[in-house]
């Protein structure tokens, strides 16, 4: 083990995506993450396509996306043996992560009071769909439902009449990120107090927490935002434009950038309706049409270097394959080579954080492939037996 969390043991009882993503983030930073699965496994082991590997026992690429740097042990938590092993894991753990519906952990005999009786230093991360209390605290939560209920779909899509989900499960991912942030904060506090906290977040909280300017537009100004396609509601020009052979994204975040862009493409930056950002956002369709016309004779391979030369933030719209084949992506350690016990050597997405400018991403030098179901049953039980006799 290596990394800033190398002395941290995480028991990951979560499944699907929010909790597993939080646990994976801790594992990326060196924590030992023991994923406790039911005998049938995490739900995402059956999510697909695509699947890879042997036809008789295919492996879900969805599962692979959220479970690197973990060990897997299977336990039936309704059995005496399962409860006994979990008890011993809790006694030795620093963190426990769960995303059951509120009340399930209590029914299993591992409510927060019981967990802290077993281990007062334990930090518990509990992720729910809509919060652990309140009038709808017991609702089950899945990402797309949360995207809709938490307002995200209303500000995403081509227009106000066409709400659109984001193309990745962003509510789950954000809940995992906020959860991991809460865990490391609680671990830091524990250094002073010796006592672990219960950290709670939800898909609802995570999405609302990411509203940014859309939130204050309503809470402060009473303005209800709505979807405006690929153009920023508060900046112009800032969005997707068309050139001769494709699309280009341009972001003018300051007046000086606008003047530089306009003058380079024979546009009067001080023309009526275009002189200030406030005017340009009010006349966005006109600004967009003007830039589309200015770019219409430019090929993308010529336009992007010209915009870069001008210092104008710009980029193309890449498909997923071209992102992972891009030398810039690989230079940032965002693609890992790992050895999977069934698939052999595979490439998987890597952690988005680098420490000390190391070539590898995350806080550890060696990354583990996502485990097969119960891959570490024997080794984890052997470790517990050693701990029992230590």
Protein backbone atom coordinates (compact mmCIF):
# COMPACT_ATOMS: atom_id res chain seq x y z
CA UNK A 1 0.00 0.00 0.00
CA UNK A 2 1.05 3.59 -0.59
CA UNK A 3 -0.59 7.00 -0.55
CA UNK A 4 -1.89 9.47 2.02
CA UNK A 5 -4.67 7.09 3.17
CA UNK A 6 -2.52 3.95 3.30
CA UNK A 7 -3.27 3.41 7.01
CA UNK A 8 -7.04 3.61 6.51
CA UNK A 9 -9.25 0.51 6.30
CA UNK A 10 -12.61 0.96 4.54
CA UNK A 11 -15.48 -1.51 4.73
CA UNK A 12 -17.63 -0.86 1.66
CA UNK A 13 -21.15 -2.23 2.09
CA UNK A 14 -22.52 -0.08 -0.73
CA UNK A 15 -23.67 -1.14 -4.17
CA UNK A 16 -24.59 0.43 -7.49
CA UNK A 17 -22.62 3.66 -7.93
CA UNK A 18 -22.70 6.48 -5.33
CA UNK A 19 -21.20 4.52 -2.43
CA UNK A 20 -18.82 2.44 -4.56
CA UNK A 21 -17.55 5.63 -6.20
CA UNK A 22 -16.80 7.16 -2.78
CA UNK A 23 -15.01 4.00 -1.69
CA UNK A 24 -13.03 3.89 -4.93
CA UNK A 25 -11.87 7.47 -4.40
CA UNK A 26 -10.54 6.49 -0.96
CA UNK A 27 -8.89 3.42 -2.46
CA UNK A 28 -7.24 5.57 -5.13
CA UNK A 29 -5.55 7.49 -2.30
CA UNK A 30 -4.15 4.32 -0.77
CA UNK A 31 -6.88 3.12 1.59
CA UNK A 32 -7.46 -0.61 1.88
CA UNK A 33 -11.05 -1.05 0.68
CA UNK A 34 -12.82 -4.31 1.49
CA UNK A 35 -15.99 -4.53 -0.58
CA UNK A 36 -18.63 -6.63 1.19
CA UNK A 37 -21.05 -8.12 -1.33
CA UNK A 38 -24.07 -10.34 -1.02
CA UNK A 39 -23.58 -13.89 -2.39
CA UNK A 40 -25.20 -12.69 -5.64
CA UNK A 41 -22.94 -9.66 -5.86
CA UNK A 42 -23.25 -5.93 -6.39
CA UNK A 43 -26.24 -5.09 -8.62
CA UNK A 44 -23.94 -3.51 -11.21
CA UNK A 45 -22.28 -6.85 -11.93
CA UNK A 46 -25.38 -7.50 -14.03
CA UNK A 47 -25.69 -4.06 -15.63
CA UNK A 48 -24.99 -3.89 -19.33
CA UNK A 49 -24.27 -4.09 -22.17
CA UNK A 50 -21.45 -3.97 -22.77
CA UNK A 51 -20.15 -7.13 -21.14
CA UNK A 52 -16.73 -8.66 -21.70
CA UNK A 53 -15.06 -11.96 -20.91
CA UNK A 54 -16.42 -15.49 -20.95
CA UNK A 55 -19.92 -15.88 -22.33
CA UNK A 56 -20.97 -18.15 -19.49
CA UNK A 57 -19.95 -15.61 -16.84
CA UNK A 58 -19.65 -12.19 -18.50
CA UNK A 59 -18.18 -9.19 -16.70
CA UNK A 60 -19.97 -5.85 -16.67
CA UNK A 61 -17.93 -2.87 -17.79
CA UNK A 62 -20.25 -0.76 -15.61
CA UNK A 63 -19.01 -2.62 -12.53
CA UNK A 64 -15.42 -2.13 -13.67
CA UNK A 65 -15.96 1.64 -13.72
CA UNK A 66 -16.59 1.98 -9.97
CA UNK A 67 -14.59 -0.70 -8.20
CA UNK A 68 -10.87 -0.41 -8.86
CA UNK A 69 -8.51 -0.70 -5.88
CA UNK A 70 -10.82 -2.94 -3.83
CA UNK A 71 -10.97 -6.45 -2.42
CA UNK A 72 -14.21 -8.43 -2.58
CA UNK A 73 -15.65 -10.68 0.10
CA UNK A 74 -19.13 -12.21 -0.03
CA UNK A 75 -21.25 -12.32 3.14
CA UNK A 76 -24.85 -13.21 3.85
CA UNK A 77 -25.64 -10.56 6.45
CA UNK A 78 -28.76 -12.46 7.50
CA UNK A 79 -26.63 -15.41 8.63
CA UNK A 80 -24.68 -15.80 11.87
CA UNK A 81 -21.42 -16.21 9.96
CA UNK A 82 -22.02 -13.10 7.85
CA UNK A 83 -22.86 -10.96 10.87
CA UNK A 84 -19.84 -12.31 12.74
CA UNK A 85 -17.40 -11.51 9.94
CA UNK A 86 -18.89 -8.05 9.47
CA UNK A 87 -18.61 -7.40 13.21
CA UNK A 88 -14.92 -8.27 13.12
CA UNK A 89 -14.40 -6.06 10.07
CA UNK A 90 -16.16 -3.14 11.78
CA UNK A 91 -13.99 -3.52 14.87
CA UNK A 92 -10.87 -3.07 12.74
CA UNK A 93 -12.12 -0.52 10.23
CA UNK A 94 -11.66 3.23 10.07
CA UNK A 95 -14.54 3.85 7.66
CA UNK A 96 -17.77 2.06 6.80
CA UNK A 97 -19.76 3.07 3.70
CA UNK A 98 -23.38 2.11 3.08
CA UNK A 99 -26.12 3.29 0.76
CA UNK A 100 -29.07 1.18 1.85
CA UNK A 101 -32.46 2.82 2.21
CA UNK A 102 -32.81 4.49 5.64
CA UNK A 103 -33.56 1.87 8.29
CA UNK A 104 -32.03 -1.17 6.56
CA UNK A 105 -28.79 -1.08 8.57
CA UNK A 106 -30.83 -1.02 11.79
CA UNK A 107 -32.82 -4.05 10.67
CA UNK A 108 -29.58 -5.89 9.91
CA UNK A 109 -28.40 -5.19 13.45
CA UNK A 110 -25.76 -2.66 12.45
CA UNK A 111 -27.37 0.70 13.12
CA UNK A 112 -25.11 3.63 13.92
CA UNK A 113 -25.36 3.14 17.68
CA UNK A 114 -24.32 -0.49 17.33
CA UNK A 115 -21.49 0.39 14.94
CA UNK A 116 -20.05 2.92 17.40
CA UNK A 117 -20.44 0.50 20.29
CA UNK A 118 -18.24 -1.88 18.31
CA UNK A 119 -15.79 0.84 17.24
CA UNK A 120 -16.08 4.39 18.63
CA UNK A 121 -13.44 5.60 16.13
CA UNK A 122 -15.43 4.42 13.10
CA UNK A 123 -16.40 7.03 10.50
CA UNK A 124 -19.67 6.02 8.85
CA UNK A 125 -20.66 7.34 5.43
CA UNK A 126 -24.35 6.89 4.73
CA UNK A 127 -25.70 7.86 1.31
CA UNK A 128 -29.43 7.95 0.58
CA UNK A 129 -31.64 9.02 -2.28
CA UNK A 130 -33.42 12.04 -0.82
CA UNK A 131 -31.98 12.43 2.69
CA UNK A 132 -32.21 10.43 5.89
CA UNK A 133 -35.08 12.44 7.34
CA UNK A 134 -37.71 14.93 6.22
CA UNK A 135 -41.12 14.16 4.73
CA UNK A 136 -39.67 12.04 1.88
CA UNK A 137 -36.53 10.78 3.58
CA UNK A 138 -37.33 7.11 3.03
CA UNK A 139 -37.66 7.27 -0.75
CA UNK A 140 -35.50 5.05 -2.88
CA UNK A 141 -33.22 7.05 -5.13
CA UNK A 142 -31.80 6.35 -8.54
CA UNK A 143 -29.73 8.82 -10.50
CA UNK A 144 -32.17 9.80 -13.24
CA UNK A 145 -35.00 10.26 -10.73
CA UNK A 146 -32.73 12.51 -8.67
CA UNK A 147 -31.63 14.47 -11.74
CA UNK A 148 -35.26 15.24 -12.41
CA UNK A 149 -36.41 15.87 -8.83
CA UNK A 150 -33.40 18.06 -8.04
CA UNK A 151 -33.89 20.36 -11.02
CA UNK A 152 -30.91 19.33 -13.11
CA UNK A 153 -32.92 18.08 -16.07
CA UNK A 154 -34.87 21.35 -16.20
CA UNK A 155 -31.67 23.27 -16.99
CA UNK A 156 -30.27 20.65 -19.37
CA UNK A 157 -31.34 20.09 -22.95
CA UNK A 158 -32.11 22.13 -26.07
CA UNK A 159 -34.90 24.23 -24.55
CA UNK A 160 -37.30 24.61 -21.64
CA UNK A 161 -39.76 22.14 -23.14
CA UNK A 162 -37.23 19.32 -23.60
CA UNK A 163 -35.73 18.31 -20.23
CA UNK A 164 -32.70 16.07 -20.67
CA UNK A 165 -30.71 13.82 -18.38
CA UNK A 166 -26.95 14.26 -18.37
CA UNK A 167 -25.18 11.44 -20.23
CA UNK A 168 -23.46 10.07 -17.11
CA UNK A 169 -25.05 9.33 -13.69
CA UNK A 170 -23.90 12.65 -12.31
CA UNK A 171 -26.07 12.56 -9.17
CA UNK A 172 -24.50 9.27 -8.09
CA UNK A 173 -21.00 10.49 -8.93
CA UNK A 174 -21.42 13.78 -7.09
CA UNK A 175 -22.87 12.02 -4.04
CA UNK A 176 -19.83 9.76 -4.02
CA UNK A 177 -17.47 12.72 -4.31
CA UNK A 178 -19.19 14.70 -1.56
CA UNK A 179 -19.26 11.55 0.56
CA UNK A 180 -15.52 10.96 0.19
CA UNK A 181 -14.92 14.63 1.02
CA UNK A 182 -17.00 14.21 4.18
CA UNK A 183 -15.10 11.06 5.14
CA UNK A 184 -11.64 12.60 4.94
CA UNK A 185 -12.92 15.62 6.90
CA UNK A 186 -14.24 13.32 9.62
CA UNK A 187 -11.00 11.34 9.67
CA UNK A 188 -9.07 14.58 10.18
CA UNK A 189 -11.37 15.56 13.04
CA UNK A 190 -10.96 12.10 14.58
CA UNK A 191 -7.24 12.75 14.93
CA UNK A 192 -8.13 15.37 17.54
CA UNK A 193 -11.23 13.85 19.15
CA UNK A 194 -10.63 10.12 18.86
CA UNK A 195 -14.31 9.75 17.94
CA UNK A 196 -15.77 8.89 14.56
CA UNK A 197 -18.74 10.72 13.07
CA UNK A 198 -21.66 9.70 10.87
CA UNK A 199 -21.37 11.51 7.54
CA UNK A 200 -24.58 11.78 5.52
CA UNK A 201 -25.31 12.89 2.01
CA UNK A 202 -27.84 12.05 -0.68
CA UNK A 203 -28.40 12.22 -4.41
CA UNK A 204 -30.74 15.16 -3.80
CA UNK A 205 -28.16 17.01 -1.71
CA UNK A 206 -25.38 16.32 -4.18
CA UNK A 207 -27.29 17.68 -7.17
CA UNK A 208 -28.58 20.73 -5.30
CA UNK A 209 -25.02 21.29 -4.07
CA UNK A 210 -23.92 21.53 -7.70
CA UNK A 211 -26.55 24.05 -8.81
CA UNK A 212 -23.93 26.82 -8.58
CA UNK A 213 -25.17 30.01 -10.28
CA UNK A 214 -28.51 28.41 -11.11
CA UNK A 215 -29.20 28.16 -7.37
CA UNK A 216 -28.43 31.74 -6.43
CA UNK A 217 -30.20 33.01 -9.54
CA UNK A 218 -33.39 31.78 -7.86
CA UNK A 219 -32.68 32.16 -4.13
CA UNK A 220 -31.34 35.70 -4.47
CA UNK A 221 -32.88 37.09 -7.66
CA UNK A 222 -36.03 34.98 -8.00
CA UNK A 223 -35.00 33.94 -11.50
CA UNK A 224 -35.91 30.38 -12.54
CA UNK A 225 -33.32 29.05 -14.97
CA UNK A 226 -34.22 26.80 -17.88
CA UNK A 227 -32.43 24.78 -20.50
CA UNK A 228 -30.74 26.79 -23.23
CA UNK A 229 -29.00 24.10 -25.20
CA UNK A 230 -25.26 24.39 -25.70
CA UNK A 231 -24.96 28.05 -24.75
CA UNK A 232 -24.24 29.54 -21.34
CA UNK A 233 -27.15 31.43 -19.79
CA UNK A 234 -24.95 34.12 -18.25
CA UNK A 235 -22.10 34.52 -20.76
CA UNK A 236 -21.97 35.20 -24.48
CA UNK A 237 -20.35 34.06 -26.63
CA UNK A 238 -19.87 30.87 -24.63
CA UNK A 239 -21.00 27.66 -26.26
CA UNK A 240 -21.01 25.51 -29.37
CA UNK A 241 -20.64 27.02 -32.83
CA UNK A 242 -20.44 25.60 -36.35
CA UNK A 243 -17.57 25.75 -38.81
CA UNK A 244 -17.08 24.33 -42.28
CA UNK A 245 -16.58 20.70 -41.27
CA UNK A 246 -17.79 20.38 -37.70
CA UNK A 247 -18.39 22.04 -34.36
CA UNK A 248 -16.18 24.22 -32.20
CA UNK A 249 -16.71 25.35 -28.63
CA UNK A 250 -15.68 28.87 -27.69
CA UNK A 251 -15.68 30.46 -24.24
CA UNK A 252 -15.33 34.23 -23.88
CA UNK A 253 -15.28 34.81 -20.14
CA UNK A 254 -14.16 38.43 -20.30
CA UNK A 255 -14.68 41.53 -22.39
CA UNK A 256 -11.06 41.51 -23.52
CA UNK A 257 -11.48 38.02 -24.95
CA UNK A 258 -14.59 39.13 -26.82
CA UNK A 259 -12.82 42.12 -28.35
CA UNK A 260 -9.88 39.94 -29.42
CA UNK A 261 -12.19 37.33 -30.96
CA UNK A 262 -14.42 39.81 -32.72
CA UNK A 263 -11.63 41.86 -34.23
CA UNK A 264 -9.81 38.75 -35.49
CA UNK A 265 -12.92 37.68 -37.43
CA UNK A 266 -13.94 41.11 -38.74
CA UNK A 267 -16.78 41.64 -36.27
CA UNK A 268 -17.33 45.03 -34.66
CA UNK A 269 -17.04 44.29 -30.91
CA UNK A 270 -18.84 47.53 -30.03
CA UNK A 271 -21.75 47.06 -32.40
CA UNK A 272 -25.20 47.77 -30.92
CA UNK A 273 -26.32 44.79 -28.88
CA UNK A 274 -22.81 43.34 -28.69
CA UNK A 275 -20.74 45.80 -26.71
CA UNK A 276 -21.12 44.19 -23.28
CA UNK A 277 -21.77 40.71 -21.98
CA UNK A 278 -25.16 41.82 -20.69
CA UNK A 279 -26.12 42.98 -24.18
CA UNK A 280 -24.75 39.85 -25.82
CA UNK A 281 -26.65 37.50 -23.52
CA UNK A 282 -29.83 39.43 -24.30
CA UNK A 283 -29.07 39.06 -28.01
CA UNK A 284 -27.55 35.57 -27.90
CA UNK A 285 -29.19 34.34 -31.11
CA UNK A 286 -27.72 37.24 -33.02
CA UNK A 287 -24.25 36.72 -31.55
CA UNK A 288 -24.42 33.00 -32.29
CA UNK A 289 -25.49 33.58 -35.87
CA UNK A 290 -22.72 36.14 -36.37
CA UNK A 291 -20.03 33.75 -35.15
CA UNK A 292 -21.44 30.82 -37.12
CA UNK A 293 -21.18 32.94 -40.25
CA UNK A 294 -17.65 34.07 -39.38
CA UNK A 295 -16.53 30.46 -38.82
CA UNK A 296 -18.39 29.02 -41.83
CA UNK A 297 -15.38 29.08 -44.17
CA UNK A 298 -12.93 27.70 -41.61
CA UNK A 299 -12.04 24.05 -41.22
CA UNK A 300 -11.75 22.82 -37.66
CA UNK A 301 -8.08 21.90 -38.01
CA UNK A 302 -7.32 25.49 -39.03
CA UNK A 303 -9.79 27.25 -36.75
CA UNK A 304 -8.65 25.71 -33.47
CA UNK A 305 -4.96 26.69 -33.94
CA UNK A 306 -6.04 30.23 -34.89
CA UNK A 307 -8.18 30.56 -31.75
CA UNK A 308 -5.33 29.18 -29.65
CA UNK A 309 -2.97 31.72 -31.23
CA UNK A 310 -5.41 34.45 -30.20
CA UNK A 311 -5.61 33.11 -26.64
CA UNK A 312 -9.31 32.33 -27.01
CA UNK A 313 -10.38 29.26 -24.98
CA UNK A 314 -11.75 26.80 -27.51
CA UNK A 315 -12.03 23.11 -28.23
CA UNK A 316 -13.64 20.43 -30.34
CA UNK A 317 -16.32 17.94 -29.33
CA UNK A 318 -14.67 14.54 -28.97
CA UNK A 319 -16.31 11.15 -28.93
CA UNK A 320 -15.41 8.90 -25.99
CA UNK A 321 -12.98 6.80 -28.02
CA UNK A 322 -11.06 9.86 -29.13
CA UNK A 323 -10.81 11.05 -25.52
CA UNK A 324 -9.11 7.85 -24.36
CA UNK A 325 -6.88 7.69 -27.45
CA UNK A 326 -5.81 11.32 -26.98
CA UNK A 327 -2.18 11.74 -25.94
CA UNK A 328 -3.15 14.53 -23.54
CA UNK A 329 -5.53 12.22 -21.65
CA UNK A 330 -2.86 9.56 -21.35
CA UNK A 331 -0.22 12.06 -20.28
CA UNK A 332 -2.34 12.83 -17.20
CA UNK A 333 -2.44 9.23 -15.99
CA UNK A 334 -6.13 8.96 -16.79
CA UNK A 335 -5.77 5.49 -18.32
CA UNK A 336 -4.50 2.65 -16.12
CA UNK A 337 -3.08 -0.73 -17.08
CA UNK A 338 -4.24 -3.35 -14.57
CA UNK A 339 -4.20 -7.14 -14.43
CA UNK A 340 -7.67 -8.62 -14.07
CA UNK A 341 -7.92 -12.22 -12.86
CA UNK A 342 -10.26 -13.17 -15.72
CA UNK A 343 -9.69 -10.59 -18.45
CA UNK A 344 -5.91 -10.37 -18.10
CA UNK A 345 -4.23 -7.05 -18.89
CA UNK A 346 -6.88 -4.35 -19.43
CA UNK A 347 -7.04 -0.58 -19.58
CA UNK A 348 -9.47 1.24 -17.28
CA UNK A 349 -10.08 4.93 -16.55
CA UNK A 350 -7.77 6.25 -13.85
CA UNK A 351 -8.12 8.62 -10.88
CA UNK A 352 -8.49 12.33 -11.72
CA UNK A 353 -5.94 13.45 -9.09
CA UNK A 354 -2.14 13.36 -9.25
CA UNK A 355 0.11 13.96 -6.26
CA UNK A 356 3.55 15.61 -6.56
CA UNK A 357 3.23 15.59 -10.34
CA UNK A 358 3.81 11.83 -10.43
CA UNK A 359 3.25 10.16 -13.77
CA UNK A 360 0.74 7.79 -12.18
CA UNK A 361 -2.61 9.09 -11.03
CA UNK A 362 -4.05 8.79 -7.54
CA UNK A 363 -2.10 8.41 -4.34
CA UNK A 364 -0.76 4.91 -4.91
CA UNK A 365 1.89 3.52 -7.21
CA UNK A 366 0.11 0.24 -7.96
CA UNK A 367 -3.56 0.10 -8.84
CA UNK A 368 -5.73 -2.99 -8.46
CA UNK A 369 -8.19 -4.23 -11.05
CA UNK A 370 -11.83 -4.35 -9.95
CA UNK A 371 -12.26 -7.68 -8.15
CA UNK A 372 -14.24 -10.71 -9.19
CA UNK A 373 -17.07 -11.68 -6.86
CA UNK A 374 -15.62 -13.08 -3.64
CA UNK A 375 -12.08 -12.98 -5.01
CA UNK A 376 -10.67 -12.18 -1.58
CA UNK A 377 -12.88 -14.36 0.61
CA UNK A 378 -9.98 -16.49 1.82
CA UNK A 379 -7.41 -13.71 2.19
CA UNK A 380 -9.71 -11.39 4.13
CA UNK A 381 -10.82 -14.17 6.47
CA UNK A 382 -7.17 -15.19 6.96
CA UNK A 383 -6.27 -11.60 7.81
CA UNK A 384 -9.11 -11.42 10.36
CA UNK A 385 -7.90 -14.66 11.94
CA UNK A 386 -4.40 -13.21 12.26
CA UNK A 387 -5.83 -10.06 13.78
CA UNK A 388 -7.87 -12.12 16.26
CA UNK A 389 -4.68 -13.77 17.53
CA UNK A 390 -2.46 -10.72 17.41
